[in-house]
């Protein structure tokens, strides 16, 4: 809890993308040689230029430098009294 999952895909090509996508859906992406995974509370990313990036699977235009950090207790949830657990 309180950690970012950071996934880095190295040297993605049109030929390797389908294999990595298959591994993603099989739950074996972490075993791929072209993938590095880590967890952290803070990450600073420097890219050669601004452009699109994926955040939680959604594309966004982002600057060349991105700083992401966990802010403890910053997410507030409203749960109705009638909510049931599965």
C-alpha atoms as a PDB file:
ATOM      1  CA  UNK A   1       0.000   0.000   0.000  1.00  0.00           C
ATOM      2  CA  UNK A   2       1.177   3.490  -0.759  1.00  0.00           C
ATOM      3  CA  UNK A   3       3.507   2.481  -3.603  1.00  0.00           C
ATOM      4  CA  UNK A   4       3.562   3.251  -7.313  1.00  0.00           C
ATOM      5  CA  UNK A   5       3.994   0.348  -9.710  1.00  0.00           C
ATOM      6  CA  UNK A   6       6.511   1.488 -12.334  1.00  0.00           C
ATOM      7  CA  UNK A   7       6.782  -0.605 -15.517  1.00  0.00           C
ATOM      8  CA  UNK A   8       9.478   0.188 -18.069  1.00  0.00           C
ATOM      9  CA  UNK A   9       9.332  -1.447 -21.507  1.00  0.00           C
ATOM     10  CA  UNK A  10      12.701  -1.353 -23.269  1.00  0.00           C
ATOM     11  CA  UNK A  11      13.057  -1.269 -27.067  1.00  0.00           C
ATOM     12  CA  UNK A  12       9.425  -1.895 -27.988  1.00  0.00           C
ATOM     13  CA  UNK A  13       8.953  -2.616 -31.689  1.00  0.00           C
ATOM     14  CA  UNK A  14       5.983  -3.579 -33.827  1.00  0.00           C
ATOM     15  CA  UNK A  15       7.312  -7.152 -33.810  1.00  0.00           C
ATOM     16  CA  UNK A  16       7.700  -7.450 -30.018  1.00  0.00           C
ATOM     17  CA  UNK A  17       4.535  -5.544 -29.017  1.00  0.00           C
ATOM     18  CA  UNK A  18       2.069  -8.443 -29.650  1.00  0.00           C
ATOM     19  CA  UNK A  19       4.183 -10.815 -27.530  1.00  0.00           C
ATOM     20  CA  UNK A  20       4.326  -8.326 -24.645  1.00  0.00           C
ATOM     21  CA  UNK A  21       0.596  -7.699 -24.931  1.00  0.00           C
ATOM     22  CA  UNK A  22      -0.047 -11.453 -24.716  1.00  0.00           C
ATOM     23  CA  UNK A  23       2.189 -11.646 -21.617  1.00  0.00           C
ATOM     24  CA  UNK A  24       0.288  -8.744 -20.074  1.00  0.00           C
ATOM     25  CA  UNK A  25      -3.039 -10.564 -20.380  1.00  0.00           C
ATOM     26  CA  UNK A  26      -1.499 -13.874 -19.235  1.00  0.00           C
ATOM     27  CA  UNK A  27      -0.073 -12.205 -16.121  1.00  0.00           C
ATOM     28  CA  UNK A  28       3.522 -13.009 -17.082  1.00  0.00           C
ATOM     29  CA  UNK A  29       4.700  -9.562 -18.217  1.00  0.00           C
ATOM     30  CA  UNK A  30       7.188  -9.446 -15.325  1.00  0.00           C
ATOM     31  CA  UNK A  31       9.071 -12.390 -16.882  1.00  0.00           C
ATOM     32  CA  UNK A  32       9.726 -10.651 -20.219  1.00  0.00           C
ATOM     33  CA  UNK A  33      13.361  -9.698 -20.878  1.00  0.00           C
ATOM     34  CA  UNK A  34      12.323  -6.322 -22.310  1.00  0.00           C
ATOM     35  CA  UNK A  35      10.417  -5.317 -19.152  1.00  0.00           C
ATOM     36  CA  UNK A  36      11.648  -3.874 -15.854  1.00  0.00           C
ATOM     37  CA  UNK A  37       9.266  -3.455 -12.930  1.00  0.00           C
ATOM     38  CA  UNK A  38       9.723  -1.735  -9.594  1.00  0.00           C
ATOM     39  CA  UNK A  39       7.736  -0.056  -6.828  1.00  0.00           C
ATOM     40  CA  UNK A  40       8.460   3.326  -5.281  1.00  0.00           C
ATOM     41  CA  UNK A  41       6.882   6.306  -3.541  1.00  0.00           C
ATOM     42  CA  UNK A  42       8.467   8.884  -5.843  1.00  0.00           C
ATOM     43  CA  UNK A  43       9.693   8.816  -9.451  1.00  0.00           C
ATOM     44  CA  UNK A  44      11.227  11.444 -11.726  1.00  0.00           C
ATOM     45  CA  UNK A  45      11.134  10.657 -15.449  1.00  0.00           C
ATOM     46  CA  UNK A  46      13.198  12.494 -18.079  1.00  0.00           C
ATOM     47  CA  UNK A  47      12.344  11.886 -21.714  1.00  0.00           C
ATOM     48  CA  UNK A  48      14.067  13.262 -24.829  1.00  0.00           C
ATOM     49  CA  UNK A  49      11.003  15.391 -25.667  1.00  0.00           C
ATOM     50  CA  UNK A  50       7.435  16.118 -24.646  1.00  0.00           C
ATOM     51  CA  UNK A  51       4.797  13.840 -26.121  1.00  0.00           C
ATOM     52  CA  UNK A  52       2.227  11.163 -25.395  1.00  0.00           C
ATOM     53  CA  UNK A  53       2.602   8.768 -22.476  1.00  0.00           C
ATOM     54  CA  UNK A  54       0.313   6.179 -20.898  1.00  0.00           C
ATOM     55  CA  UNK A  55      -0.896   6.642 -17.340  1.00  0.00           C
ATOM     56  CA  UNK A  56      -2.833   3.666 -16.039  1.00  0.00           C
ATOM     57  CA  UNK A  57      -3.520   2.632 -19.639  1.00  0.00           C
ATOM     58  CA  UNK A  58      -4.801   6.029 -20.782  1.00  0.00           C
ATOM     59  CA  UNK A  59      -2.819   8.213 -23.251  1.00  0.00           C
ATOM     60  CA  UNK A  60      -1.973  11.782 -22.159  1.00  0.00           C
ATOM     61  CA  UNK A  61       0.246  14.492 -23.666  1.00  0.00           C
ATOM     62  CA  UNK A  62       2.985  15.095 -21.089  1.00  0.00           C
ATOM     63  CA  UNK A  63       6.102  17.273 -20.807  1.00  0.00           C
ATOM     64  CA  UNK A  64       9.642  15.940 -21.207  1.00  0.00           C
ATOM     65  CA  UNK A  65      10.140  15.859 -17.412  1.00  0.00           C
ATOM     66  CA  UNK A  66       7.553  14.248 -15.166  1.00  0.00           C
ATOM     67  CA  UNK A  67       7.641  14.008 -11.373  1.00  0.00           C
ATOM     68  CA  UNK A  68       5.148  11.671  -9.688  1.00  0.00           C
ATOM     69  CA  UNK A  69       4.874  11.053  -5.972  1.00  0.00           C
ATOM     70  CA  UNK A  70       2.536   9.421  -3.501  1.00  0.00           C
ATOM     71  CA  UNK A  71       0.630  11.849  -1.280  1.00  0.00           C
ATOM     72  CA  UNK A  72      -0.460   9.846   1.779  1.00  0.00           C
ATOM     73  CA  UNK A  73      -4.132  10.124   2.767  1.00  0.00           C
ATOM     74  CA  UNK A  74      -4.954  12.260  -0.288  1.00  0.00           C
ATOM     75  CA  UNK A  75      -7.646   9.966  -1.709  1.00  0.00           C
ATOM     76  CA  UNK A  76     -11.032  10.288  -0.064  1.00  0.00           C
ATOM     77  CA  UNK A  77     -13.742   7.707  -0.746  1.00  0.00           C
ATOM     78  CA  UNK A  78     -17.456   8.066  -0.135  1.00  0.00           C
ATOM     79  CA  UNK A  79     -19.127   4.735   0.502  1.00  0.00           C
ATOM     80  CA  UNK A  80     -22.905   4.614   0.891  1.00  0.00           C
ATOM     81  CA  UNK A  81     -24.325   2.875   3.950  1.00  0.00           C
ATOM     82  CA  UNK A  82     -26.103   0.406   1.691  1.00  0.00           C
ATOM     83  CA  UNK A  83     -22.831  -0.794   0.109  1.00  0.00           C
ATOM     84  CA  UNK A  84     -22.126  -4.488   0.530  1.00  0.00           C
ATOM     85  CA  UNK A  85     -18.815  -6.309   0.334  1.00  0.00           C
ATOM     86  CA  UNK A  86     -18.186  -9.127  -2.086  1.00  0.00           C
END
